[in-house]
C-alpha atoms as a PDB file:
ATOM      1  CA  MET A   1      -0.365   8.560  91.710  1.00  0.00           C
ATOM      2  CA  ARG A   2      -2.467   8.128  88.639  1.00  0.00           C
ATOM      3  CA  ARG A   3      -5.228   6.230  90.498  1.00  0.00           C
ATOM      4  CA  ARG A   4      -5.352   8.935  93.229  1.00  0.00           C
ATOM      5  CA  SER A   5      -5.711  11.726  90.685  1.00  0.00           C
ATOM      6  CA  VAL A   6      -8.589   9.844  88.999  1.00  0.00           C
ATOM      7  CA  LEU A   7     -10.447   9.528  92.301  1.00  0.00           C
ATOM      8  CA  LEU A   8      -9.910  13.233  93.151  1.00  0.00           C
ATOM      9  CA  GLY A   9     -11.207  14.312  89.714  1.00  0.00           C
ATOM     10  CA  LEU A  10     -14.280  12.076  90.020  1.00  0.00           C
ATOM     11  CA  ALA A  11     -15.253  13.313  93.448  1.00  0.00           C
ATOM     12  CA  SER A  12     -17.034  16.343  92.000  1.00  0.00           C
ATOM     13  CA  LEU A  13     -19.160  14.026  89.788  1.00  0.00           C
ATOM     14  CA  GLY A  14     -21.053  12.541  92.676  1.00  0.00           C
ATOM     15  CA  THR A  15     -20.644   9.984  95.399  1.00  0.00           C
ATOM     16  CA  GLY A  16     -22.421   7.237  93.375  1.00  0.00           C
ATOM     17  CA  LEU A  17     -19.854   7.245  90.608  1.00  0.00           C
ATOM     18  CA  LEU A  18     -17.045   7.548  93.075  1.00  0.00           C
ATOM     19  CA  ALA A  19     -18.304   4.502  94.987  1.00  0.00           C
ATOM     20  CA  GLY A  20     -18.391   2.551  91.707  1.00  0.00           C
ATOM     21  CA  VAL A  21     -14.824   3.458  90.939  1.00  0.00           C
ATOM     22  CA  SER A  22     -13.750   2.609  94.480  1.00  0.00           C
ATOM     23  CA  ALA A  23     -15.476  -0.797  94.246  1.00  0.00           C
ATOM     24  CA  ALA A  24     -13.566  -1.607  90.989  1.00  0.00           C
ATOM     25  CA  ILE A  25     -10.280  -0.622  92.614  1.00  0.00           C
ATOM     26  CA  GLY A  26     -11.200  -2.785  95.634  1.00  0.00           C
ATOM     27  CA  GLU A  27     -11.756  -5.795  93.385  1.00  0.00           C
ATOM     28  CA  GLU A  28      -8.359  -5.240  91.752  1.00  0.00           C
ATOM     29  CA  ALA A  29      -6.697  -4.928  95.161  1.00  0.00           C
ATOM     30  CA  ALA A  30      -8.217  -8.193  96.288  1.00  0.00           C
ATOM     31  CA  TRP A  31      -6.687 -10.297  93.508  1.00  0.00           C
ATOM     32  CA  ARG A  32      -3.381  -8.387  93.573  1.00  0.00           C
ATOM     33  CA  ASP A  33      -3.097  -9.055  97.264  1.00  0.00           C
ATOM     34  CA  GLY A  34      -3.125 -12.741  96.458  1.00  0.00           C
ATOM     35  CA  LEU A  35      -0.028 -12.496  94.310  1.00  0.00           C
ATOM     36  CA  PRO A  36       3.539 -13.002  95.666  1.00  0.00           C
ATOM     37  CA  LYS A  37       5.029  -9.950  97.328  1.00  0.00           C
ATOM     38  CA  THR A  38       8.268  -8.766  95.723  1.00  0.00           C
ATOM     39  CA  GLY A  39       9.057  -5.817  97.951  1.00  0.00           C
ATOM     40  CA  SER A  40       9.858  -3.685  94.908  1.00  0.00           C
ATOM     41  CA  GLY A  41       8.786  -3.588  91.361  1.00  0.00           C
ATOM     42  CA  PRO A  42       6.598  -5.944  89.312  1.00  0.00           C
ATOM     43  CA  LEU A  43       6.658  -9.694  89.587  1.00  0.00           C
ATOM     44  CA  LEU A  44       9.464 -11.344  87.660  1.00  0.00           C
ATOM     45  CA  VAL A  45       8.127 -14.120  85.457  1.00  0.00           C
ATOM     46  CA  VAL A  46      10.023 -16.113  82.847  1.00  0.00           C
ATOM     47  CA  PHE A  47       9.318 -18.367  79.908  1.00  0.00           C
ATOM     48  CA  VAL A  48      11.766 -21.268  79.725  1.00  0.00           C
ATOM     49  CA  GLY A  49       9.829 -23.862  77.750  1.00  0.00           C
ATOM     50  CA  ASN A  50       8.106 -26.902  79.163  1.00  0.00           C
ATOM     51  CA  ASP A  51      10.855 -28.394  81.400  1.00  0.00           C
ATOM     52  CA  PRO A  52      10.855 -27.338  85.079  1.00  0.00           C
ATOM     53  CA  ILE A  53      14.649 -27.997  85.317  1.00  0.00           C
ATOM     54  CA  ASP A  54      15.148 -25.041  82.962  1.00  0.00           C
ATOM     55  CA  ALA A  55      13.427 -22.818  85.434  1.00  0.00           C
ATOM     56  CA  ASP A  56      15.810 -24.057  88.125  1.00  0.00           C
ATOM     57  CA  ARG A  57      18.726 -23.276  85.896  1.00  0.00           C
ATOM     58  CA  PHE A  58      17.440 -19.776  85.181  1.00  0.00           C
ATOM     59  CA  ASP A  59      17.075 -19.209  88.979  1.00  0.00           C
ATOM     60  CA  ALA A  60      20.672 -20.329  89.505  1.00  0.00           C
ATOM     61  CA  TRP A  61      21.962 -18.055  86.761  1.00  0.00           C
ATOM     62  CA  LEU A  62      19.951 -15.037  88.044  1.00  0.00           C
ATOM     63  CA  GLU A  63      20.731 -15.907  91.740  1.00  0.00           C
ATOM     64  CA  ARG A  64      17.083 -15.496  92.700  1.00  0.00           C
ATOM     65  CA  ARG A  65      13.950 -17.484  92.244  1.00  0.00           C
ATOM     66  CA  ALA A  66      11.500 -16.212  89.649  1.00  0.00           C
ATOM     67  CA  ASP A  67       8.086 -15.265  90.896  1.00  0.00           C
ATOM     68  CA  GLY A  68       6.399 -17.430  88.272  1.00  0.00           C
ATOM     69  CA  VAL A  69       6.670 -19.148  84.950  1.00  0.00           C
ATOM     70  CA  GLN A  70       4.821 -18.344  81.708  1.00  0.00           C
ATOM     71  CA  LEU A  71       3.168 -21.506  80.354  1.00  0.00           C
ATOM     72  CA  PHE A  72       1.683 -21.866  76.866  1.00  0.00           C
ATOM     73  CA  THR A  73      -0.883 -24.554  76.099  1.00  0.00           C
ATOM     74  CA  GLY A  74      -1.402 -26.016  72.610  1.00  0.00           C
ATOM     75  CA  TYR A  75      -3.607 -25.108  69.731  1.00  0.00           C
ATOM     76  CA  ALA A  76      -2.970 -27.698  66.954  1.00  0.00           C
ATOM     77  CA  ASN A  77      -6.563 -28.875  67.348  1.00  0.00           C
ATOM     78  CA  TRP A  78      -9.150 -29.197  70.151  1.00  0.00           C
ATOM     79  CA  VAL A  79      -7.515 -32.418  71.409  1.00  0.00           C
ATOM     80  CA  ASP A  80      -4.276 -30.615  71.788  1.00  0.00           C
ATOM     81  CA  TRP A  81      -6.038 -27.559  73.231  1.00  0.00           C
ATOM     82  CA  SER A  82      -7.657 -29.590  75.967  1.00  0.00           C
ATOM     83  CA  GLY A  83      -4.976 -32.212  76.607  1.00  0.00           C
ATOM     84  CA  SER A  84      -1.984 -29.787  76.864  1.00  0.00           C
ATOM     85  CA  ILE A  85      -3.599 -28.034  79.801  1.00  0.00           C
ATOM     86  CA  GLY A  86      -3.667 -31.188  81.940  1.00  0.00           C
ATOM     87  CA  TRP A  87      -0.191 -32.199  80.705  1.00  0.00           C
ATOM     88  CA  LEU A  88       1.389 -28.878  81.718  1.00  0.00           C
ATOM     89  CA  VAL A  89      -0.481 -28.822  85.124  1.00  0.00           C
ATOM     90  CA  ASP A  90       0.905 -32.307  85.905  1.00  0.00           C
ATOM     91  CA  ARG A  91       4.403 -31.494  84.621  1.00  0.00           C
ATOM     92  CA  TRP A  92       4.808 -28.341  86.694  1.00  0.00           C
ATOM     93  CA  LYS A  93       2.888 -29.175  89.799  1.00  0.00           C
ATOM     94  CA  PRO A  94       5.860 -30.776  91.616  1.00  0.00           C
ATOM     95  CA  SER A  95       7.921 -27.613  91.099  1.00  0.00           C
ATOM     96  CA  GLY A  96       5.596 -25.547  93.309  1.00  0.00           C
ATOM     97  CA  ARG A  97       5.884 -22.669  90.850  1.00  0.00           C
ATOM     98  CA  ARG A  98       3.139 -20.228  90.174  1.00  0.00           C
ATOM     99  CA  ALA A  99       1.899 -20.470  86.652  1.00  0.00           C
ATOM    100  CA  PHE A 100       0.979 -17.559  84.458  1.00  0.00           C
ATOM    101  CA  TRP A 101      -1.194 -19.203  81.804  1.00  0.00           C
ATOM    102  CA  SER A 102      -1.401 -18.398  78.095  1.00  0.00           C
ATOM    103  CA  ILE A 103      -4.480 -20.345  76.891  1.00  0.00           C
ATOM    104  CA  PRO A 104      -5.345 -20.043  73.136  1.00  0.00           C
ATOM    105  CA  LEU A 105      -8.726 -18.581  72.417  1.00  0.00           C
ATOM    106  CA  ILE A 106      -9.329 -21.192  69.742  1.00  0.00           C
ATOM    107  CA  PRO A 107      -7.193 -23.858  68.048  1.00  0.00           C
ATOM    108  CA  THR A 108      -6.399 -24.303  64.407  1.00  0.00           C
ATOM    109  CA  GLY A 109      -9.555 -25.335  62.537  1.00  0.00           C
ATOM    110  CA  ALA A 110     -11.977 -23.535  64.812  1.00  0.00           C
ATOM    111  CA  THR A 111     -13.450 -20.118  64.081  1.00  0.00           C
ATOM    112  CA  LEU A 112     -13.990 -16.984  66.057  1.00  0.00           C
ATOM    113  CA  ALA A 113     -17.654 -16.994  64.937  1.00  0.00           C
ATOM    114  CA  GLU A 114     -18.189 -20.363  66.581  1.00  0.00           C
ATOM    115  CA  ALA A 115     -16.602 -19.164  69.818  1.00  0.00           C
ATOM    116  CA  ALA A 116     -18.519 -15.908  69.804  1.00  0.00           C
ATOM    117  CA  GLN A 117     -21.782 -17.825  69.409  1.00  0.00           C
ATOM    118  CA  GLY A 118     -20.975 -19.967  72.450  1.00  0.00           C
ATOM    119  CA  GLU A 119     -20.247 -23.245  70.657  1.00  0.00           C
ATOM    120  CA  HIS A 120     -17.112 -23.769  72.756  1.00  0.00           C
ATOM    121  CA  ASP A 121     -18.366 -22.636  76.114  1.00  0.00           C
ATOM    122  CA  GLU A 122     -18.273 -26.192  77.525  1.00  0.00           C
ATOM    123  CA  ARG A 123     -14.708 -26.752  76.432  1.00  0.00           C
ATOM    124  CA  TYR A 124     -13.789 -23.518  78.203  1.00  0.00           C
ATOM    125  CA  ALA A 125     -15.590 -24.569  81.338  1.00  0.00           C
ATOM    126  CA  VAL A 126     -13.857 -27.954  81.422  1.00  0.00           C
ATOM    127  CA  ALA A 127     -10.463 -26.244  81.109  1.00  0.00           C
ATOM    128  CA  ALA A 128     -11.377 -23.767  83.823  1.00  0.00           C
ATOM    129  CA  ARG A 129     -12.297 -26.603  86.219  1.00  0.00           C
ATOM    130  CA  ARG A 130      -8.907 -28.232  85.577  1.00  0.00           C
ATOM    131  CA  LEU A 131      -6.997 -25.045  86.221  1.00  0.00           C
ATOM    132  CA  ALA A 132      -9.011 -24.065  89.278  1.00  0.00           C
ATOM    133  CA  ALA A 133      -8.411 -27.519  90.809  1.00  0.00           C
ATOM    134  CA  SER A 134      -4.692 -27.269  90.085  1.00  0.00           C
ATOM    135  CA  GLN A 135      -4.452 -24.105  92.227  1.00  0.00           C
ATOM    136  CA  PRO A 136      -7.006 -24.226  95.038  1.00  0.00           C
ATOM    137  CA  GLN A 137      -6.138 -20.832  96.416  1.00  0.00           C
ATOM    138  CA  GLY A 138      -5.301 -17.359  95.131  1.00  0.00           C
ATOM    139  CA  PRO A 139      -5.737 -15.648  91.786  1.00  0.00           C
ATOM    140  CA  ILE A 140      -5.161 -17.594  88.527  1.00  0.00           C
ATOM    141  CA  LEU A 141      -3.816 -15.324  85.811  1.00  0.00           C
ATOM    142  CA  ILE A 142      -5.088 -16.252  82.325  1.00  0.00           C
ATOM    143  CA  ARG A 143      -4.025 -14.655  79.057  1.00  0.00           C
ATOM    144  CA  THR A 144      -6.075 -15.564  75.968  1.00  0.00           C
ATOM    145  CA  GLY A 145      -6.099 -14.342  72.400  1.00  0.00           C
ATOM    146  CA  TRP A 146      -2.699 -12.686  72.637  1.00  0.00           C
ATOM    147  CA  GLU A 147      -1.225 -10.873  69.692  1.00  0.00           C
ATOM    148  CA  PHE A 148      -4.657 -10.840  68.099  1.00  0.00           C
ATOM    149  CA  ASN A 149      -3.822  -7.726  66.084  1.00  0.00           C
ATOM    150  CA  ALA A 150      -1.275  -9.730  63.951  1.00  0.00           C
ATOM    151  CA  GLU A 151      -1.893 -12.493  61.411  1.00  0.00           C
ATOM    152  CA  TRP A 152       0.006 -15.464  62.772  1.00  0.00           C
ATOM    153  CA  PHE A 153      -2.456 -17.095  65.240  1.00  0.00           C
ATOM    154  CA  PRO A 154      -5.843 -18.818  64.474  1.00  0.00           C
ATOM    155  CA  TRP A 155      -7.607 -16.212  66.607  1.00  0.00           C
ATOM    156  CA  SER A 156      -6.346 -13.271  64.511  1.00  0.00           C
ATOM    157  CA  ALA A 157      -8.782 -10.394  64.742  1.00  0.00           C
ATOM    158  CA  LEU A 158      -7.518  -8.658  61.585  1.00  0.00           C
ATOM    159  CA  LYS A 159     -10.655  -9.458  59.581  1.00  0.00           C
ATOM    160  CA  GLU A 160     -13.147 -10.038  62.407  1.00  0.00           C
ATOM    161  CA  PRO A 161     -12.419  -7.776  65.379  1.00  0.00           C
ATOM    162  CA  ASP A 162     -16.056  -7.925  66.486  1.00  0.00           C
ATOM    163  CA  LYS A 163     -16.031 -11.702  66.512  1.00  0.00           C
ATOM    164  CA  PHE A 164     -12.760 -11.749  68.393  1.00  0.00           C
ATOM    165  CA  ALA A 165     -14.152  -9.521  71.055  1.00  0.00           C
ATOM    166  CA  GLY A 166     -17.320 -11.730  71.260  1.00  0.00           C
ATOM    167  CA  ALA A 167     -15.257 -14.893  71.477  1.00  0.00           C
ATOM    168  CA  TYR A 168     -13.118 -13.313  74.218  1.00  0.00           C
ATOM    169  CA  ARG A 169     -16.229 -12.435  76.232  1.00  0.00           C
ATOM    170  CA  ARG A 170     -17.545 -16.015  75.947  1.00  0.00           C
ATOM    171  CA  PHE A 171     -14.221 -17.351  77.115  1.00  0.00           C
ATOM    172  CA  VAL A 172     -14.230 -15.084  80.208  1.00  0.00           C
ATOM    173  CA  ARG A 173     -17.857 -15.798  81.034  1.00  0.00           C
ATOM    174  CA  SER A 174     -17.211 -19.505  80.880  1.00  0.00           C
ATOM    175  CA  PHE A 175     -14.210 -19.424  83.075  1.00  0.00           C
ATOM    176  CA  ARG A 176     -15.924 -17.100  85.609  1.00  0.00           C
ATOM    177  CA  SER A 177     -18.882 -19.474  85.794  1.00  0.00           C
ATOM    178  CA  ILE A 178     -16.441 -21.988  87.342  1.00  0.00           C
ATOM    179  CA  SER A 179     -14.429 -19.621  89.618  1.00  0.00           C
ATOM    180  CA  SER A 180     -14.164 -15.994  90.568  1.00  0.00           C
ATOM    181  CA  ARG A 181     -10.420 -16.360  91.045  1.00  0.00           C
ATOM    182  CA  PHE A 182      -9.575 -16.138  87.317  1.00  0.00           C
ATOM    183  CA  VAL A 183      -7.836 -12.849  86.321  1.00  0.00           C
ATOM    184  CA  PHE A 184      -7.902 -12.085  82.579  1.00  0.00           C
ATOM    185  CA  GLU A 185      -5.272 -10.341  80.475  1.00  0.00           C
ATOM    186  CA  TRP A 186      -5.908  -8.766  77.035  1.00  0.00           C
ATOM    187  CA  THR A 187      -2.669  -8.599  75.084  1.00  0.00           C
ATOM    188  CA  PRO A 188      -2.011  -6.988  71.645  1.00  0.00           C
ATOM    189  CA  ASN A 189       1.297  -7.221  69.921  1.00  0.00           C
ATOM    190  CA  ILE A 190       3.269  -3.972  69.739  1.00  0.00           C
ATOM    191  CA  GLY A 191       3.017  -1.873  66.604  1.00  0.00           C
ATOM    192  CA  ASP A 192       0.610  -1.332  63.710  1.00  0.00           C
ATOM    193  CA  ARG A 193      -0.055  -4.677  62.132  1.00  0.00           C
ATOM    194  CA  GLY A 194      -3.045  -3.463  60.110  1.00  0.00           C
ATOM    195  CA  LEU A 195      -5.562  -3.316  62.987  1.00  0.00           C
ATOM    196  CA  ASP A 196      -6.197  -0.697  65.656  1.00  0.00           C
ATOM    197  CA  PRO A 197      -6.180  -3.030  68.795  1.00  0.00           C
ATOM    198  CA  GLU A 198      -8.863  -0.835  70.440  1.00  0.00           C
ATOM    199  CA  VAL A 199     -11.581  -2.006  68.010  1.00  0.00           C
ATOM    200  CA  ALA A 200     -11.118  -5.541  69.272  1.00  0.00           C
ATOM    201  CA  TYR A 201     -11.243  -4.602  72.965  1.00  0.00           C
ATOM    202  CA  PRO A 202     -13.939  -6.781  74.665  1.00  0.00           C
ATOM    203  CA  GLY A 203     -14.887  -4.243  77.310  1.00  0.00           C
ATOM    204  CA  ASP A 204     -13.669  -3.363  80.810  1.00  0.00           C
ATOM    205  CA  ASP A 205     -15.890  -5.872  82.466  1.00  0.00           C
ATOM    206  CA  TYR A 206     -13.973  -8.705  80.744  1.00  0.00           C
ATOM    207  CA  VAL A 207     -10.418  -7.431  81.195  1.00  0.00           C
ATOM    208  CA  ASP A 208      -8.441  -7.226  84.452  1.00  0.00           C
ATOM    209  CA  ILE A 209      -4.970  -6.566  83.019  1.00  0.00           C
ATOM    210  CA  ILE A 210      -3.925  -4.898  79.743  1.00  0.00           C
ATOM    211  CA  GLY A 211      -0.766  -6.435  78.435  1.00  0.00           C
ATOM    212  CA  LEU A 212       1.594  -5.908  75.495  1.00  0.00           C
ATOM    213  CA  ASP A 213       4.139  -8.209  73.854  1.00  0.00           C
ATOM    214  CA  PHE A 214       7.318  -6.693  72.392  1.00  0.00           C
ATOM    215  CA  TYR A 215      10.611  -8.042  71.145  1.00  0.00           C
ATOM    216  CA  TYR A 216      13.825  -6.374  70.091  1.00  0.00           C
ATOM    217  CA  HIS A 217      15.475  -7.899  66.999  1.00  0.00           C
ATOM    218  CA  PRO A 218      17.603  -6.105  64.308  1.00  0.00           C
ATOM    219  CA  GLN A 219      15.457  -7.651  61.628  1.00  0.00           C
ATOM    220  CA  TRP A 220      12.665  -5.277  62.704  1.00  0.00           C
ATOM    221  CA  ASN A 221      14.434  -2.559  64.730  1.00  0.00           C
ATOM    222  CA  SER A 222      17.567  -0.451  64.705  1.00  0.00           C
ATOM    223  CA  ALA A 223      20.755  -2.122  65.842  1.00  0.00           C
ATOM    224  CA  ASP A 224      21.292   0.879  68.085  1.00  0.00           C
ATOM    225  CA  PRO A 225      19.560  -0.041  71.361  1.00  0.00           C
ATOM    226  CA  ASP A 226      18.687   3.584  72.286  1.00  0.00           C
ATOM    227  CA  ILE A 227      17.067   4.175  68.860  1.00  0.00           C
ATOM    228  CA  ALA A 228      15.288   0.900  69.153  1.00  0.00           C
ATOM    229  CA  TRP A 229      13.948   1.723  72.587  1.00  0.00           C
ATOM    230  CA  THR A 230      12.665   5.120  71.382  1.00  0.00           C
ATOM    231  CA  HIS A 231      10.835   3.343  68.599  1.00  0.00           C
ATOM    232  CA  MET A 232       9.220   1.003  71.030  1.00  0.00           C
ATOM    233  CA  LEU A 233       7.983   3.941  72.986  1.00  0.00           C
ATOM    234  CA  GLU A 234       6.783   6.146  70.137  1.00  0.00           C
ATOM    235  CA  GLN A 235       5.550   3.873  67.391  1.00  0.00           C
ATOM    236  CA  PRO A 236       1.817   3.494  66.751  1.00  0.00           C
ATOM    237  CA  TYR A 237       0.382   1.183  69.353  1.00  0.00           C
ATOM    238  CA  GLY A 238       3.716   1.190  71.205  1.00  0.00           C
ATOM    239  CA  LEU A 239       4.612   1.349  74.815  1.00  0.00           C
ATOM    240  CA  LYS A 240       3.314   4.882  75.366  1.00  0.00           C
ATOM    241  CA  TRP A 241      -0.011   4.016  73.681  1.00  0.00           C
ATOM    242  CA  HIS A 242      -0.271   0.902  75.828  1.00  0.00           C
ATOM    243  CA  GLN A 243       0.056   2.829  79.101  1.00  0.00           C
ATOM    244  CA  ARG A 244      -2.314   5.522  77.968  1.00  0.00           C
ATOM    245  CA  PHE A 245      -4.950   3.033  76.894  1.00  0.00           C
ATOM    246  CA  ALA A 246      -4.623   1.127  80.164  1.00  0.00           C
ATOM    247  CA  GLY A 247      -4.617   4.303  82.308  1.00  0.00           C
ATOM    248  CA  ASP A 248      -7.743   5.566  80.596  1.00  0.00           C
ATOM    249  CA  ARG A 249      -9.445   2.425  81.841  1.00  0.00           C
ATOM    250  CA  ARG A 250      -7.835   2.383  85.236  1.00  0.00           C
ATOM    251  CA  LYS A 251      -6.338  -1.079  84.433  1.00  0.00           C
ATOM    252  CA  PRO A 252      -2.892  -2.340  85.553  1.00  0.00           C
ATOM    253  CA  THR A 253      -0.542  -3.529  82.877  1.00  0.00           C
ATOM    254  CA  SER A 254       1.750  -6.445  82.138  1.00  0.00           C
ATOM    255  CA  TYR A 255       4.384  -7.533  79.635  1.00  0.00           C
ATOM    256  CA  ALA A 256       4.025 -11.267  79.244  1.00  0.00           C
ATOM    257  CA  GLU A 257       6.491 -11.568  76.415  1.00  0.00           C
ATOM    258  CA  TRP A 258       9.588  -9.489  75.898  1.00  0.00           C
ATOM    259  CA  GLY A 259      13.084 -10.314  74.779  1.00  0.00           C
ATOM    260  CA  VAL A 260      16.252  -9.204  73.103  1.00  0.00           C
ATOM    261  CA  ALA A 261      18.458 -10.857  70.437  1.00  0.00           C
ATOM    262  CA  LEU A 262      21.602  -8.705  70.330  1.00  0.00           C
ATOM    263  CA  ASP A 263      24.518  -8.764  72.720  1.00  0.00           C
ATOM    264  CA  SER A 264      24.636  -4.968  72.554  1.00  0.00           C
ATOM    265  CA  SER A 265      21.063  -4.736  74.057  1.00  0.00           C
ATOM    266  CA  GLY A 266      22.261  -3.679  77.509  1.00  0.00           C
ATOM    267  CA  PRO A 267      20.963  -0.107  77.362  1.00  0.00           C
ATOM    268  CA  TYR A 268      17.639  -1.323  75.998  1.00  0.00           C
ATOM    269  CA  VAL A 269      17.245  -3.830  78.782  1.00  0.00           C
ATOM    270  CA  ARG A 270      18.033  -1.169  81.436  1.00  0.00           C
ATOM    271  CA  GLN A 271      15.357   1.151  79.950  1.00  0.00           C
ATOM    272  CA  ALA A 272      12.826  -1.712  79.828  1.00  0.00           C
ATOM    273  CA  ALA A 273      13.423  -2.395  83.506  1.00  0.00           C
ATOM    274  CA  ALA A 274      12.916   1.229  84.354  1.00  0.00           C
ATOM    275  CA  TRP A 275       9.690   1.328  82.298  1.00  0.00           C
ATOM    276  CA  PHE A 276       8.300  -1.678  84.081  1.00  0.00           C
ATOM    277  CA  ARG A 277       9.223  -0.208  87.512  1.00  0.00           C
ATOM    278  CA  ASP A 278       7.786   3.282  86.783  1.00  0.00           C
ATOM    279  CA  HIS A 279       4.413   2.144  85.683  1.00  0.00           C
ATOM    280  CA  ASP A 280       1.592   0.123  87.195  1.00  0.00           C
ATOM    281  CA  THR A 281       2.966  -3.153  85.962  1.00  0.00           C
ATOM    282  CA  VAL A 282       1.662  -6.421  87.591  1.00  0.00           C
ATOM    283  CA  TYR A 283       4.398  -8.622  86.059  1.00  0.00           C
ATOM    284  CA  GLN A 284       7.021  -8.765  83.258  1.00  0.00           C
ATOM    285  CA  SER A 285       8.001 -12.087  81.676  1.00  0.00           C
ATOM    286  CA  TYR A 286      11.276 -12.452  79.794  1.00  0.00           C
ATOM    287  CA  TRP A 287      11.468 -14.967  76.907  1.00  0.00           C
ATOM    288  CA  ASN A 288      14.480 -16.986  78.111  1.00  0.00           C
ATOM    289  CA  SER A 289      14.333 -19.419  75.171  1.00  0.00           C
ATOM    290  CA  ASP A 290      15.518 -19.729  71.622  1.00  0.00           C
ATOM    291  CA  ALA A 291      12.173 -21.273  70.426  1.00  0.00           C
ATOM    292  CA  ALA A 292      10.516 -18.973  67.872  1.00  0.00           C
ATOM    293  CA  PHE A 293      12.676 -16.033  69.031  1.00  0.00           C
ATOM    294  CA  ALA A 294      16.392 -16.387  69.942  1.00  0.00           C
ATOM    295  CA  GLY A 295      16.363 -14.497  73.240  1.00  0.00           C
ATOM    296  CA  LYS A 296      17.817 -16.929  75.746  1.00  0.00           C
ATOM    297  CA  LEU A 297      20.131 -15.150  78.281  1.00  0.00           C
ATOM    298  CA  SER A 298      20.941 -17.848  80.848  1.00  0.00           C
ATOM    299  CA  ASP A 299      23.266 -19.803  78.487  1.00  0.00           C
ATOM    300  CA  ASN A 300      25.483 -16.683  78.224  1.00  0.00           C
ATOM    301  CA  ARG A 301      25.335 -16.729  74.461  1.00  0.00           C
ATOM    302  CA  ILE A 302      24.862 -12.979  74.520  1.00  0.00           C
ATOM    303  CA  PRO A 303      26.766 -12.256  77.804  1.00  0.00           C
ATOM    304  CA  ARG A 304      26.634  -8.487  77.845  1.00  0.00           C
ATOM    305  CA  ALA A 305      22.859  -8.414  77.411  1.00  0.00           C
ATOM    306  CA  GLY A 306      22.611 -11.150  80.049  1.00  0.00           C
ATOM    307  CA  ALA A 307      24.786  -9.045  82.390  1.00  0.00           C
ATOM    308  CA  ALA A 308      22.472  -6.035  82.017  1.00  0.00           C
ATOM    309  CA  TYR A 309      19.442  -8.263  82.772  1.00  0.00           C
ATOM    310  CA  ARG A 310      21.142  -9.568  85.923  1.00  0.00           C
ATOM    311  CA  GLU A 311      22.151  -6.099  86.913  1.00  0.00           C
ATOM    312  CA  MET A 312      18.490  -4.969  86.765  1.00  0.00           C
ATOM    313  CA  PHE A 313      16.638  -8.030  88.026  1.00  0.00           C
ATOM    314  CA  ALA A 314      19.000 -10.222  90.168  1.00  0.00           C
ATOM    315  CA  ALA A 315      18.510 -10.438  93.979  1.00  0.00           C
ATOM    316  CA  SER A 316      20.986  -7.709  94.595  1.00  0.00           C
ATOM    317  CA  ALA A 317      19.044  -5.329  92.403  1.00  0.00           C
ATOM    318  CA  ARG A 318      16.020  -5.698  94.660  1.00  0.00           C
ATOM    319  CA  SER A 319      17.855  -4.373  97.715  1.00  0.00           C
ATOM    320  CA  PRO A 320      16.915  -0.776  98.867  1.00  0.00           C
END
């Protein structure tokens, strides 16, 4: 609906501009056509860690196969940055699962200035060749520099948003020099962490999907799930901002990391599911792990929250 209204509004501005918008939409349609077909709603992706057997266990618990797995490569140093890509490719290849990649923009010890100046272009190109070879057909979704508006990763843009944007552009150019099948996701963390994410946006030509990471934990949010959900919507750089920002750029969205920590989170989970469904969401990826954030559902540690997730996302929930 939003895309149709944009085209109708632009028609009066001239056929040349309309043709440009139509071409951009056509490019998006091409890569989206290469993704798995769900029949209804966004793709269901999950983070389970590095062991494929945990993805099988998640599938058994949910009673459906996830559409993909979220994989994170390392950033301890450049050796880890490069080596972990091949290690994960080899570890997950026998599973036949589609990978949604989170590739760090730089590792610990590197700088955004170096990356923005092109000093790491060849490293990026080598990684791109490895990933392209691992999946010979279809789009390859890559997320880099995620949660850049916070302080906890080496690629934090808090002090150098211009250098972050420049480094992001070099990353994208290097990957595209190897294959046109790469699809790039730009992902802030929810909320005001001291930086307006928009000042670190690398430009529409370098972004295919606009994502957002958000987690529900009583340490940061109300224990009341309805109040917590409203805060997620309304806070500065929250869910409503995310959809407005993406809509203004005619970009689809994603939620590569989301999770809950309370057993009373059922109403929040249901509202998240409706939010994903009601917007132009390519995929949503639940953090089914207790690493870094205790959000695992499939072990039934927080059974009521898990039941709400199953209610919204299990095979039966996909039926008309």
